[in-house]
N, C-alpha and C. Protein backbone atom coordinates (compact mmCIF):
# COMPACT_ATOMS: atom_id res chain seq x y z
N MET A 1 -19.88 -48.74 -45.26
CA MET A 1 -19.62 -48.72 -46.70
C MET A 1 -20.81 -48.13 -47.44
N ASP A 2 -20.52 -47.47 -48.52
CA ASP A 2 -21.59 -47.08 -49.43
C ASP A 2 -21.97 -48.30 -50.26
N PHE A 3 -22.97 -48.12 -51.13
CA PHE A 3 -23.51 -49.25 -51.88
C PHE A 3 -22.47 -49.91 -52.78
N ALA A 4 -21.75 -49.12 -53.58
CA ALA A 4 -20.83 -49.70 -54.57
C ALA A 4 -19.72 -50.53 -53.90
N PRO A 5 -19.03 -50.01 -52.88
CA PRO A 5 -18.01 -50.86 -52.23
C PRO A 5 -18.61 -52.11 -51.58
N ALA A 6 -19.81 -51.99 -51.02
CA ALA A 6 -20.45 -53.16 -50.42
C ALA A 6 -20.75 -54.21 -51.47
N ALA A 7 -21.23 -53.78 -52.63
CA ALA A 7 -21.51 -54.73 -53.72
C ALA A 7 -20.22 -55.37 -54.21
N MET A 8 -19.15 -54.60 -54.29
CA MET A 8 -17.87 -55.15 -54.72
C MET A 8 -17.34 -56.17 -53.72
N ALA A 9 -17.59 -55.93 -52.44
CA ALA A 9 -17.11 -56.86 -51.41
C ALA A 9 -17.72 -58.26 -51.57
N LEU A 10 -18.92 -58.32 -52.15
CA LEU A 10 -19.57 -59.62 -52.34
C LEU A 10 -18.82 -60.52 -53.31
N ILE A 11 -18.04 -59.92 -54.20
CA ILE A 11 -17.30 -60.74 -55.18
C ILE A 11 -15.79 -60.70 -54.95
N ASP A 12 -15.40 -60.13 -53.82
CA ASP A 12 -13.98 -60.07 -53.46
C ASP A 12 -13.69 -61.26 -52.54
N ASP A 13 -12.93 -62.23 -53.04
CA ASP A 13 -12.64 -63.43 -52.25
C ASP A 13 -11.98 -63.11 -50.91
N ASP A 14 -11.22 -62.03 -50.85
CA ASP A 14 -10.57 -61.66 -49.59
C ASP A 14 -11.56 -61.15 -48.54
N GLN A 15 -12.76 -60.80 -48.97
CA GLN A 15 -13.77 -60.25 -48.05
C GLN A 15 -14.82 -61.27 -47.60
N LYS A 16 -14.85 -62.44 -48.22
CA LYS A 16 -15.95 -63.38 -47.98
C LYS A 16 -16.05 -63.84 -46.53
N ASP A 17 -14.93 -64.11 -45.89
CA ASP A 17 -15.00 -64.54 -44.49
C ASP A 17 -15.57 -63.44 -43.61
N ALA A 18 -15.18 -62.19 -43.88
CA ALA A 18 -15.71 -61.07 -43.10
C ALA A 18 -17.20 -60.88 -43.36
N ILE A 19 -17.62 -61.05 -44.60
CA ILE A 19 -19.04 -60.92 -44.94
C ILE A 19 -19.85 -62.00 -44.23
N LYS A 20 -19.34 -63.23 -44.26
CA LYS A 20 -20.05 -64.32 -43.59
C LYS A 20 -20.14 -64.08 -42.08
N ALA A 21 -19.08 -63.55 -41.49
CA ALA A 21 -19.11 -63.23 -40.06
C ALA A 21 -20.14 -62.14 -39.77
N LEU A 22 -20.20 -61.13 -40.65
CA LEU A 22 -21.18 -60.07 -40.49
C LEU A 22 -22.60 -60.63 -40.60
N PHE A 23 -22.85 -61.45 -41.62
CA PHE A 23 -24.19 -62.00 -41.82
C PHE A 23 -24.59 -62.94 -40.68
N GLU A 24 -23.62 -63.67 -40.15
CA GLU A 24 -23.93 -64.54 -39.01
C GLU A 24 -24.35 -63.70 -37.80
N ALA A 25 -23.61 -62.63 -37.55
CA ALA A 25 -23.92 -61.75 -36.42
C ALA A 25 -25.26 -61.05 -36.61
N THR A 26 -25.53 -60.55 -37.82
CA THR A 26 -26.80 -59.85 -38.03
C THR A 26 -27.99 -60.82 -38.02
N THR A 27 -27.76 -62.06 -38.44
CA THR A 27 -28.82 -63.06 -38.37
C THR A 27 -29.15 -63.39 -36.92
N GLU A 28 -28.12 -63.56 -36.10
CA GLU A 28 -28.34 -63.81 -34.67
C GLU A 28 -29.08 -62.64 -34.03
N MET A 29 -28.71 -61.42 -34.42
CA MET A 29 -29.41 -60.24 -33.90
C MET A 29 -30.87 -60.24 -34.35
N ALA A 30 -31.12 -60.58 -35.61
CA ALA A 30 -32.50 -60.61 -36.12
C ALA A 30 -33.33 -61.64 -35.36
N MET A 31 -32.73 -62.79 -35.03
CA MET A 31 -33.45 -63.81 -34.26
C MET A 31 -33.84 -63.26 -32.89
N LYS A 32 -32.94 -62.52 -32.26
CA LYS A 32 -33.25 -61.93 -30.95
C LYS A 32 -34.37 -60.90 -31.07
N VAL A 33 -34.34 -60.12 -32.16
CA VAL A 33 -35.41 -59.14 -32.38
C VAL A 33 -36.76 -59.86 -32.56
N VAL A 34 -36.76 -60.93 -33.35
CA VAL A 34 -37.98 -61.72 -33.54
C VAL A 34 -38.50 -62.24 -32.20
N ASP A 35 -37.60 -62.77 -31.38
CA ASP A 35 -38.00 -63.29 -30.08
C ASP A 35 -38.66 -62.21 -29.22
N LYS A 36 -38.08 -61.01 -29.23
CA LYS A 36 -38.65 -59.91 -28.44
C LYS A 36 -40.00 -59.47 -29.00
N VAL A 37 -40.10 -59.40 -30.31
CA VAL A 37 -41.37 -58.99 -30.93
C VAL A 37 -42.47 -59.99 -30.55
N ILE A 38 -42.16 -61.27 -30.64
CA ILE A 38 -43.15 -62.30 -30.29
C ILE A 38 -43.48 -62.25 -28.80
N GLU A 39 -42.49 -61.96 -27.98
CA GLU A 39 -42.73 -61.85 -26.54
C GLU A 39 -43.73 -60.74 -26.24
N TYR A 40 -43.57 -59.60 -26.90
CA TYR A 40 -44.44 -58.46 -26.60
C TYR A 40 -45.73 -58.44 -27.43
N TRP A 41 -45.74 -59.13 -28.56
CA TRP A 41 -46.94 -59.25 -29.39
C TRP A 41 -47.19 -60.71 -29.72
N PRO A 42 -47.63 -61.50 -28.75
CA PRO A 42 -47.76 -62.95 -28.95
C PRO A 42 -48.83 -63.34 -29.98
N GLY A 43 -49.72 -62.44 -30.30
CA GLY A 43 -50.75 -62.73 -31.30
C GLY A 43 -50.29 -62.55 -32.73
N LEU A 44 -49.05 -62.16 -32.92
CA LEU A 44 -48.49 -61.93 -34.25
C LEU A 44 -48.46 -63.23 -35.05
N ASP A 45 -49.03 -63.21 -36.26
CA ASP A 45 -49.07 -64.41 -37.11
C ASP A 45 -47.81 -64.63 -37.91
N GLY A 46 -47.11 -63.55 -38.25
CA GLY A 46 -45.96 -63.72 -39.13
C GLY A 46 -45.03 -62.53 -39.08
N VAL A 47 -43.93 -62.68 -39.81
CA VAL A 47 -42.89 -61.66 -39.88
C VAL A 47 -42.63 -61.35 -41.35
N ASN A 48 -42.49 -60.06 -41.66
CA ASN A 48 -42.17 -59.63 -43.01
C ASN A 48 -40.72 -59.15 -43.02
N VAL A 49 -39.89 -59.83 -43.79
CA VAL A 49 -38.48 -59.48 -43.90
C VAL A 49 -38.28 -58.65 -45.16
N HIS A 50 -37.58 -57.53 -45.04
CA HIS A 50 -37.27 -56.67 -46.19
C HIS A 50 -35.79 -56.84 -46.53
N ASP A 51 -35.51 -57.26 -47.75
CA ASP A 51 -34.13 -57.47 -48.17
C ASP A 51 -34.08 -57.28 -49.69
N ASP A 52 -33.72 -56.10 -50.14
CA ASP A 52 -33.74 -55.79 -51.57
C ASP A 52 -32.57 -56.46 -52.29
N TRP A 53 -32.91 -57.20 -53.34
CA TRP A 53 -31.91 -57.99 -54.06
C TRP A 53 -31.63 -57.48 -55.47
N GLY A 54 -32.35 -56.47 -55.94
CA GLY A 54 -32.12 -56.10 -57.33
C GLY A 54 -32.49 -54.68 -57.68
N SER A 55 -32.15 -54.33 -58.91
CA SER A 55 -32.53 -53.05 -59.50
C SER A 55 -33.79 -53.27 -60.33
N GLN A 56 -34.19 -52.26 -61.09
CA GLN A 56 -35.38 -52.41 -61.92
C GLN A 56 -35.17 -53.37 -63.07
N LYS A 57 -33.91 -53.68 -63.39
CA LYS A 57 -33.65 -54.52 -64.56
C LYS A 57 -33.06 -55.89 -64.23
N ALA A 58 -32.38 -56.02 -63.11
CA ALA A 58 -31.69 -57.29 -62.84
C ALA A 58 -31.32 -57.38 -61.36
N PRO A 59 -31.03 -58.60 -60.88
CA PRO A 59 -30.53 -58.75 -59.51
C PRO A 59 -29.17 -58.09 -59.34
N PHE A 60 -28.82 -57.78 -58.11
CA PHE A 60 -27.54 -57.14 -57.80
C PHE A 60 -26.38 -58.12 -57.88
N PHE A 61 -26.64 -59.40 -57.73
CA PHE A 61 -25.56 -60.38 -57.66
C PHE A 61 -26.00 -61.69 -58.28
N SER A 62 -25.05 -62.54 -58.55
CA SER A 62 -25.32 -63.81 -59.23
C SER A 62 -26.03 -64.80 -58.32
N GLN A 63 -26.58 -65.82 -58.93
CA GLN A 63 -27.23 -66.89 -58.17
C GLN A 63 -26.20 -67.61 -57.29
N GLU A 64 -24.99 -67.79 -57.81
CA GLU A 64 -23.94 -68.45 -57.04
C GLU A 64 -23.60 -67.65 -55.77
N THR A 65 -23.49 -66.33 -55.92
CA THR A 65 -23.23 -65.47 -54.77
C THR A 65 -24.38 -65.54 -53.78
N ALA A 66 -25.60 -65.55 -54.30
CA ALA A 66 -26.77 -65.64 -53.43
C ALA A 66 -26.73 -66.90 -52.59
N TYR A 67 -26.42 -68.03 -53.22
CA TYR A 67 -26.41 -69.30 -52.49
C TYR A 67 -25.25 -69.39 -51.51
N GLU A 68 -24.14 -68.76 -51.81
CA GLU A 68 -23.00 -68.82 -50.90
C GLU A 68 -23.15 -67.85 -49.74
N LEU A 69 -23.62 -66.63 -50.02
CA LEU A 69 -23.56 -65.58 -49.00
C LEU A 69 -24.90 -65.21 -48.36
N PHE A 70 -26.00 -65.50 -49.00
CA PHE A 70 -27.27 -65.03 -48.46
C PHE A 70 -28.21 -66.15 -48.01
N VAL A 71 -28.40 -67.13 -48.86
CA VAL A 71 -29.41 -68.16 -48.59
C VAL A 71 -29.19 -68.88 -47.26
N PRO A 72 -27.97 -69.26 -46.89
CA PRO A 72 -27.82 -69.97 -45.60
C PRO A 72 -28.30 -69.15 -44.40
N TYR A 73 -28.07 -67.84 -44.44
CA TYR A 73 -28.47 -66.99 -43.32
C TYR A 73 -29.97 -66.71 -43.35
N MET A 74 -30.51 -66.58 -44.57
CA MET A 74 -31.97 -66.45 -44.70
C MET A 74 -32.64 -67.68 -44.12
N ARG A 75 -32.09 -68.85 -44.47
CA ARG A 75 -32.69 -70.10 -44.01
C ARG A 75 -32.61 -70.22 -42.49
N ALA A 76 -31.51 -69.80 -41.91
CA ALA A 76 -31.39 -69.84 -40.45
C ALA A 76 -32.46 -68.96 -39.81
N LEU A 77 -32.69 -67.77 -40.37
CA LEU A 77 -33.69 -66.87 -39.82
C LEU A 77 -35.10 -67.41 -40.03
N THR A 78 -35.41 -67.88 -41.24
CA THR A 78 -36.77 -68.39 -41.48
C THR A 78 -37.04 -69.65 -40.65
N ASP A 79 -36.04 -70.51 -40.49
CA ASP A 79 -36.22 -71.70 -39.63
C ASP A 79 -36.52 -71.28 -38.20
N HIS A 80 -35.83 -70.24 -37.73
CA HIS A 80 -36.06 -69.75 -36.37
C HIS A 80 -37.49 -69.22 -36.23
N ILE A 81 -37.92 -68.44 -37.21
CA ILE A 81 -39.28 -67.88 -37.15
C ILE A 81 -40.32 -69.00 -37.23
N HIS A 82 -40.09 -69.98 -38.10
CA HIS A 82 -41.02 -71.11 -38.19
C HIS A 82 -41.05 -71.90 -36.87
N SER A 83 -39.90 -72.00 -36.20
CA SER A 83 -39.87 -72.73 -34.92
C SER A 83 -40.72 -72.04 -33.86
N LYS A 84 -41.03 -70.77 -34.09
CA LYS A 84 -41.90 -70.02 -33.18
C LYS A 84 -43.36 -70.09 -33.63
N GLY A 85 -43.62 -70.88 -34.67
CA GLY A 85 -45.00 -71.05 -35.15
C GLY A 85 -45.51 -69.90 -35.97
N ARG A 86 -44.61 -69.13 -36.58
CA ARG A 86 -45.01 -67.98 -37.39
C ARG A 86 -44.63 -68.18 -38.85
N TYR A 87 -45.34 -67.47 -39.72
CA TYR A 87 -45.04 -67.45 -41.14
C TYR A 87 -44.01 -66.36 -41.43
N VAL A 88 -43.33 -66.51 -42.57
CA VAL A 88 -42.34 -65.51 -42.97
C VAL A 88 -42.59 -65.12 -44.43
N THR A 89 -42.79 -63.84 -44.64
CA THR A 89 -42.91 -63.33 -46.00
C THR A 89 -41.71 -62.44 -46.31
N LEU A 90 -41.36 -62.38 -47.57
CA LEU A 90 -40.22 -61.57 -48.01
C LEU A 90 -40.71 -60.45 -48.89
N HIS A 91 -40.26 -59.24 -48.58
CA HIS A 91 -40.41 -58.14 -49.52
C HIS A 91 -39.02 -57.86 -50.06
N SER A 92 -38.79 -58.11 -51.34
CA SER A 92 -37.49 -57.87 -51.94
C SER A 92 -37.67 -57.06 -53.20
N CYS A 93 -37.28 -55.79 -53.14
CA CYS A 93 -37.39 -54.92 -54.31
C CYS A 93 -36.43 -55.39 -55.41
N GLY A 94 -36.80 -55.07 -56.64
CA GLY A 94 -35.95 -55.35 -57.77
C GLY A 94 -36.52 -56.41 -58.68
N HIS A 95 -35.91 -56.51 -59.85
CA HIS A 95 -36.30 -57.50 -60.85
C HIS A 95 -35.60 -58.81 -60.48
N ASN A 96 -36.27 -59.59 -59.62
CA ASN A 96 -35.65 -60.76 -59.01
C ASN A 96 -36.30 -62.07 -59.43
N PHE A 97 -36.95 -62.07 -60.58
CA PHE A 97 -37.62 -63.27 -61.07
C PHE A 97 -36.66 -64.45 -61.09
N THR A 98 -35.42 -64.22 -61.47
CA THR A 98 -34.45 -65.31 -61.59
C THR A 98 -33.87 -65.74 -60.23
N ARG A 99 -34.29 -65.10 -59.15
CA ARG A 99 -33.80 -65.48 -57.82
C ARG A 99 -34.89 -66.11 -56.96
N VAL A 100 -36.04 -66.38 -57.52
CA VAL A 100 -37.14 -66.91 -56.70
C VAL A 100 -36.78 -68.25 -56.09
N GLN A 101 -35.99 -69.07 -56.76
CA GLN A 101 -35.60 -70.36 -56.16
C GLN A 101 -34.74 -70.14 -54.91
N CYS A 102 -33.97 -69.06 -54.89
CA CYS A 102 -33.22 -68.70 -53.68
C CYS A 102 -34.18 -68.39 -52.53
N PHE A 103 -35.25 -67.69 -52.83
CA PHE A 103 -36.23 -67.36 -51.79
C PHE A 103 -36.91 -68.63 -51.27
N ILE A 104 -37.22 -69.54 -52.18
CA ILE A 104 -37.83 -70.82 -51.79
C ILE A 104 -36.86 -71.60 -50.91
N ASP A 105 -35.62 -71.73 -51.37
CA ASP A 105 -34.62 -72.48 -50.60
C ASP A 105 -34.24 -71.76 -49.31
N GLY A 106 -34.44 -70.45 -49.28
CA GLY A 106 -34.21 -69.68 -48.06
C GLY A 106 -35.31 -69.85 -47.03
N GLY A 107 -36.37 -70.57 -47.39
CA GLY A 107 -37.41 -70.91 -46.42
C GLY A 107 -38.57 -69.96 -46.31
N PHE A 108 -38.67 -69.00 -47.22
CA PHE A 108 -39.78 -68.05 -47.13
C PHE A 108 -41.09 -68.69 -47.54
N ASP A 109 -42.15 -68.32 -46.85
CA ASP A 109 -43.48 -68.83 -47.18
C ASP A 109 -44.09 -68.06 -48.35
N SER A 110 -43.73 -66.78 -48.46
CA SER A 110 -44.31 -65.96 -49.53
C SER A 110 -43.34 -64.85 -49.92
N TRP A 111 -43.60 -64.30 -51.12
CA TRP A 111 -42.80 -63.18 -51.63
C TRP A 111 -43.74 -62.14 -52.21
N ASP A 112 -43.47 -60.87 -51.87
CA ASP A 112 -44.23 -59.73 -52.37
C ASP A 112 -43.34 -58.98 -53.36
N PRO A 113 -43.32 -59.42 -54.64
CA PRO A 113 -42.42 -58.79 -55.62
C PRO A 113 -42.97 -57.47 -56.15
N GLN A 114 -42.05 -56.62 -56.60
CA GLN A 114 -42.46 -55.39 -57.27
C GLN A 114 -43.04 -55.73 -58.64
N ILE A 115 -43.74 -54.74 -59.22
CA ILE A 115 -44.50 -55.01 -60.45
C ILE A 115 -43.64 -55.15 -61.70
N MET A 116 -42.34 -54.86 -61.63
CA MET A 116 -41.52 -55.14 -62.82
C MET A 116 -41.30 -56.64 -62.99
N ASN A 117 -41.64 -57.41 -61.97
CA ASN A 117 -41.63 -58.87 -62.08
C ASN A 117 -42.99 -59.33 -62.60
N ASP A 118 -42.99 -60.34 -63.41
CA ASP A 118 -44.23 -60.91 -63.95
C ASP A 118 -44.88 -61.76 -62.86
N THR A 119 -45.72 -61.14 -62.05
CA THR A 119 -46.30 -61.86 -60.92
C THR A 119 -47.22 -62.99 -61.39
N HIS A 120 -47.86 -62.81 -62.54
CA HIS A 120 -48.71 -63.89 -63.07
C HIS A 120 -47.84 -65.09 -63.46
N GLY A 121 -46.72 -64.82 -64.13
CA GLY A 121 -45.80 -65.89 -64.50
C GLY A 121 -45.16 -66.54 -63.29
N LEU A 122 -44.81 -65.74 -62.29
CA LEU A 122 -44.26 -66.29 -61.06
C LEU A 122 -45.24 -67.24 -60.40
N TYR A 123 -46.52 -66.83 -60.37
CA TYR A 123 -47.54 -67.69 -59.78
C TYR A 123 -47.64 -69.00 -60.54
N GLU A 124 -47.71 -68.91 -61.85
CA GLU A 124 -47.85 -70.13 -62.66
C GLU A 124 -46.66 -71.07 -62.47
N GLN A 125 -45.46 -70.52 -62.43
CA GLN A 125 -44.26 -71.34 -62.37
C GLN A 125 -43.90 -71.80 -60.95
N PHE A 126 -44.14 -70.95 -59.95
CA PHE A 126 -43.66 -71.25 -58.60
C PHE A 126 -44.73 -71.24 -57.52
N GLY A 127 -45.98 -70.97 -57.88
CA GLY A 127 -47.04 -70.78 -56.89
C GLY A 127 -47.34 -71.98 -56.02
N ASP A 128 -46.87 -73.15 -56.41
CA ASP A 128 -47.06 -74.32 -55.55
C ASP A 128 -45.88 -74.51 -54.59
N LYS A 129 -44.86 -73.64 -54.69
CA LYS A 129 -43.68 -73.75 -53.84
C LYS A 129 -43.53 -72.56 -52.90
N ILE A 130 -44.05 -71.41 -53.29
CA ILE A 130 -43.99 -70.19 -52.48
C ILE A 130 -45.23 -69.37 -52.84
N ILE A 131 -45.84 -68.76 -51.86
CA ILE A 131 -47.04 -67.95 -52.11
C ILE A 131 -46.59 -66.61 -52.70
N ILE A 132 -47.15 -66.27 -53.84
CA ILE A 132 -46.77 -65.05 -54.56
C ILE A 132 -47.86 -63.99 -54.38
N SER A 133 -47.43 -62.77 -54.13
CA SER A 133 -48.36 -61.64 -54.12
C SER A 133 -48.60 -61.26 -55.58
N VAL A 134 -49.74 -61.66 -56.09
CA VAL A 134 -50.06 -61.46 -57.51
C VAL A 134 -50.77 -60.13 -57.69
N VAL A 135 -50.28 -59.35 -58.63
CA VAL A 135 -50.88 -58.05 -58.93
C VAL A 135 -51.99 -58.25 -59.97
N PRO A 136 -53.24 -57.90 -59.63
CA PRO A 136 -54.32 -58.02 -60.61
C PRO A 136 -54.07 -57.14 -61.83
N ASP A 137 -54.66 -57.52 -62.95
CA ASP A 137 -54.57 -56.68 -64.14
C ASP A 137 -55.08 -55.27 -63.82
N PHE A 138 -54.39 -54.28 -64.34
CA PHE A 138 -54.74 -52.89 -64.05
C PHE A 138 -56.10 -52.53 -64.64
N PHE A 139 -56.86 -51.73 -63.89
CA PHE A 139 -58.06 -51.08 -64.41
C PHE A 139 -58.20 -49.74 -63.70
N ASP A 140 -58.84 -48.81 -64.35
CA ASP A 140 -59.06 -47.48 -63.78
C ASP A 140 -60.34 -47.53 -62.95
N PRO A 141 -60.24 -47.45 -61.63
CA PRO A 141 -61.44 -47.52 -60.78
C PRO A 141 -62.46 -46.43 -61.07
N GLU A 142 -61.99 -45.30 -61.62
CA GLU A 142 -62.90 -44.19 -61.88
C GLU A 142 -63.77 -44.43 -63.11
N THR A 143 -63.26 -45.19 -64.07
CA THR A 143 -63.99 -45.37 -65.34
C THR A 143 -64.47 -46.80 -65.57
N THR A 144 -64.08 -47.73 -64.71
CA THR A 144 -64.49 -49.13 -64.88
C THR A 144 -65.77 -49.37 -64.11
N PRO A 145 -66.84 -49.78 -64.79
CA PRO A 145 -68.12 -50.01 -64.10
C PRO A 145 -67.99 -51.06 -62.99
N GLU A 146 -68.87 -50.96 -62.02
CA GLU A 146 -68.82 -51.86 -60.87
C GLU A 146 -68.95 -53.33 -61.29
N ASP A 147 -69.86 -53.62 -62.24
CA ASP A 147 -70.02 -55.02 -62.64
C ASP A 147 -68.75 -55.57 -63.30
N GLU A 148 -68.01 -54.71 -64.01
CA GLU A 148 -66.74 -55.13 -64.60
C GLU A 148 -65.69 -55.37 -63.51
N GLN A 149 -65.67 -54.54 -62.49
CA GLN A 149 -64.74 -54.75 -61.37
C GLN A 149 -65.04 -56.07 -60.67
N ARG A 150 -66.32 -56.36 -60.51
CA ARG A 150 -66.71 -57.62 -59.87
C ARG A 150 -66.33 -58.82 -60.74
N ARG A 151 -66.48 -58.69 -62.04
CA ARG A 151 -66.08 -59.77 -62.95
C ARG A 151 -64.58 -60.01 -62.84
N ARG A 152 -63.82 -58.95 -62.77
CA ARG A 152 -62.37 -59.06 -62.65
C ARG A 152 -61.98 -59.76 -61.34
N ALA A 153 -62.71 -59.47 -60.27
CA ALA A 153 -62.43 -60.12 -58.99
C ALA A 153 -62.66 -61.63 -59.09
N ARG A 154 -63.74 -62.03 -59.75
CA ARG A 154 -64.01 -63.46 -59.91
C ARG A 154 -62.93 -64.12 -60.77
N GLU A 155 -62.52 -63.44 -61.83
CA GLU A 155 -61.46 -63.98 -62.68
C GLU A 155 -60.15 -64.11 -61.91
N TYR A 156 -59.84 -63.11 -61.08
CA TYR A 156 -58.63 -63.18 -60.25
C TYR A 156 -58.69 -64.42 -59.37
N PHE A 157 -59.81 -64.62 -58.71
CA PHE A 157 -59.92 -65.78 -57.82
C PHE A 157 -59.77 -67.08 -58.60
N ASP A 158 -60.48 -67.21 -59.70
CA ASP A 158 -60.43 -68.46 -60.47
C ASP A 158 -59.03 -68.77 -60.98
N ARG A 159 -58.27 -67.76 -61.28
CA ARG A 159 -56.93 -67.98 -61.84
C ARG A 159 -55.84 -68.11 -60.78
N PHE A 160 -55.97 -67.37 -59.68
CA PHE A 160 -54.85 -67.27 -58.74
C PHE A 160 -55.14 -67.76 -57.32
N CYS A 161 -56.25 -68.40 -57.11
CA CYS A 161 -56.58 -68.90 -55.76
C CYS A 161 -56.98 -70.37 -55.83
N LYS A 162 -56.08 -71.18 -56.34
CA LYS A 162 -56.36 -72.60 -56.51
C LYS A 162 -55.99 -73.36 -55.24
N PRO A 163 -56.72 -74.42 -54.93
CA PRO A 163 -56.35 -75.24 -53.76
C PRO A 163 -54.91 -75.74 -53.89
N GLY A 164 -54.14 -75.58 -52.84
CA GLY A 164 -52.75 -75.98 -52.85
C GLY A 164 -51.83 -74.99 -53.55
N LYS A 165 -52.41 -73.94 -54.10
CA LYS A 165 -51.63 -72.93 -54.83
C LYS A 165 -52.29 -71.57 -54.61
N PRO A 166 -52.25 -71.07 -53.36
CA PRO A 166 -52.91 -69.79 -53.06
C PRO A 166 -52.06 -68.61 -53.52
N SER A 167 -52.62 -67.45 -53.44
CA SER A 167 -51.90 -66.20 -53.68
C SER A 167 -52.48 -65.17 -52.73
N TYR A 168 -51.94 -63.98 -52.78
CA TYR A 168 -52.54 -62.87 -52.05
C TYR A 168 -52.28 -61.59 -52.82
N ILE A 169 -53.02 -60.57 -52.48
CA ILE A 169 -52.83 -59.26 -53.09
C ILE A 169 -52.12 -58.39 -52.06
N GLY A 170 -50.89 -58.02 -52.38
CA GLY A 170 -50.09 -57.22 -51.46
C GLY A 170 -50.12 -55.75 -51.83
N PHE A 171 -49.08 -55.06 -51.41
CA PHE A 171 -48.99 -53.62 -51.57
C PHE A 171 -49.17 -53.18 -53.02
N TYR A 172 -48.49 -53.85 -53.94
CA TYR A 172 -48.49 -53.40 -55.33
C TYR A 172 -49.82 -53.67 -56.04
N GLY A 173 -50.62 -54.56 -55.49
CA GLY A 173 -51.93 -54.83 -56.07
C GLY A 173 -53.05 -54.02 -55.44
N SER A 174 -52.71 -53.20 -54.46
CA SER A 174 -53.75 -52.48 -53.71
C SER A 174 -54.61 -51.54 -54.55
N PRO A 175 -54.13 -50.97 -55.69
CA PRO A 175 -55.04 -50.12 -56.47
C PRO A 175 -56.28 -50.87 -56.97
N ALA A 176 -56.19 -52.19 -57.10
CA ALA A 176 -57.35 -52.97 -57.56
C ALA A 176 -58.38 -53.18 -56.46
N LEU A 177 -58.00 -52.93 -55.22
CA LEU A 177 -58.88 -53.26 -54.11
C LEU A 177 -59.94 -52.18 -53.86
N THR A 178 -60.74 -51.96 -54.87
CA THR A 178 -61.87 -51.05 -54.73
C THR A 178 -62.93 -51.73 -53.88
N PRO A 179 -63.92 -51.01 -53.39
CA PRO A 179 -64.99 -51.66 -52.63
C PRO A 179 -65.68 -52.78 -53.42
N ALA A 180 -65.94 -52.55 -54.71
CA ALA A 180 -66.63 -53.57 -55.51
C ALA A 180 -65.74 -54.80 -55.70
N PHE A 181 -64.47 -54.61 -56.06
CA PHE A 181 -63.55 -55.73 -56.27
C PHE A 181 -63.38 -56.52 -54.97
N SER A 182 -63.13 -55.82 -53.87
CA SER A 182 -62.89 -56.47 -52.58
C SER A 182 -64.12 -57.24 -52.11
N ASP A 183 -65.29 -56.61 -52.24
CA ASP A 183 -66.54 -57.24 -51.80
C ASP A 183 -66.81 -58.51 -52.61
N GLU A 184 -66.63 -58.42 -53.92
CA GLU A 184 -66.89 -59.58 -54.78
C GLU A 184 -65.87 -60.69 -54.52
N LEU A 185 -64.62 -60.33 -54.33
CA LEU A 185 -63.59 -61.33 -54.05
C LEU A 185 -63.90 -62.06 -52.74
N TYR A 186 -64.35 -61.33 -51.75
CA TYR A 186 -64.70 -61.92 -50.46
C TYR A 186 -65.89 -62.88 -50.62
N GLU A 187 -66.96 -62.40 -51.23
CA GLU A 187 -68.17 -63.23 -51.36
C GLU A 187 -67.93 -64.44 -52.27
N TYR A 188 -67.30 -64.20 -53.40
CA TYR A 188 -67.07 -65.27 -54.37
C TYR A 188 -66.15 -66.35 -53.80
N SER A 189 -65.10 -65.92 -53.10
CA SER A 189 -64.17 -66.90 -52.54
C SER A 189 -64.83 -67.73 -51.44
N ARG A 190 -65.69 -67.11 -50.65
CA ARG A 190 -66.40 -67.88 -49.61
C ARG A 190 -67.30 -68.93 -50.23
N LYS A 191 -67.99 -68.56 -51.29
CA LYS A 191 -68.86 -69.52 -51.96
C LYS A 191 -68.05 -70.65 -52.59
N LYS A 192 -66.95 -70.29 -53.26
CA LYS A 192 -66.14 -71.30 -53.94
C LYS A 192 -65.46 -72.24 -52.95
N TYR A 193 -64.85 -71.69 -51.93
CA TYR A 193 -64.17 -72.52 -50.93
C TYR A 193 -65.17 -73.34 -50.12
N GLY A 194 -66.35 -72.74 -49.88
CA GLY A 194 -67.38 -73.43 -49.11
C GLY A 194 -68.02 -74.59 -49.86
N SER A 195 -67.94 -74.56 -51.20
CA SER A 195 -68.59 -75.59 -52.00
C SER A 195 -67.72 -76.84 -52.18
N LYS A 196 -66.51 -76.81 -51.70
CA LYS A 196 -65.59 -77.95 -51.92
C LYS A 196 -65.66 -78.92 -50.78
């Protein structure tokens, strides 16, 4: 199916049993893939699942559809990965702020949202339930002095790296990871965590 008919099938009651059968089969296949990956790379700490749920403005489907058709299979996969002693992170493109509870209930340890989502707000609201990839405030590395970059790194840590409420900088935050920002974040966090 192309995208539009597949999206329509999610809300077609006549298709739900077939969709559930498909998701059950693909979840079982994903579990087998995870098992093989861990077998051949036993030092692997975690698995990153890619499952795009939205456009730039809104999710593709309702919360009710998510809980009926997606969350149970996500949970089966994340439970399987956790049973292997690994972490699970989700990369889900789209404006999915209103679906974060689905990701939490789906068993994901962390989410790497795109920047159209308010990652600072996500951290404040949900950071104690799921680890959020927080995007640092933008700065131009070419024109921002090194001491200012270091100050920003300390501010990032103080705001988004609280005990029991960690965060990380993922793909979308990588422009902030200049040598000065990264070095200061490393040194400052070691001092702060070491002092507790």
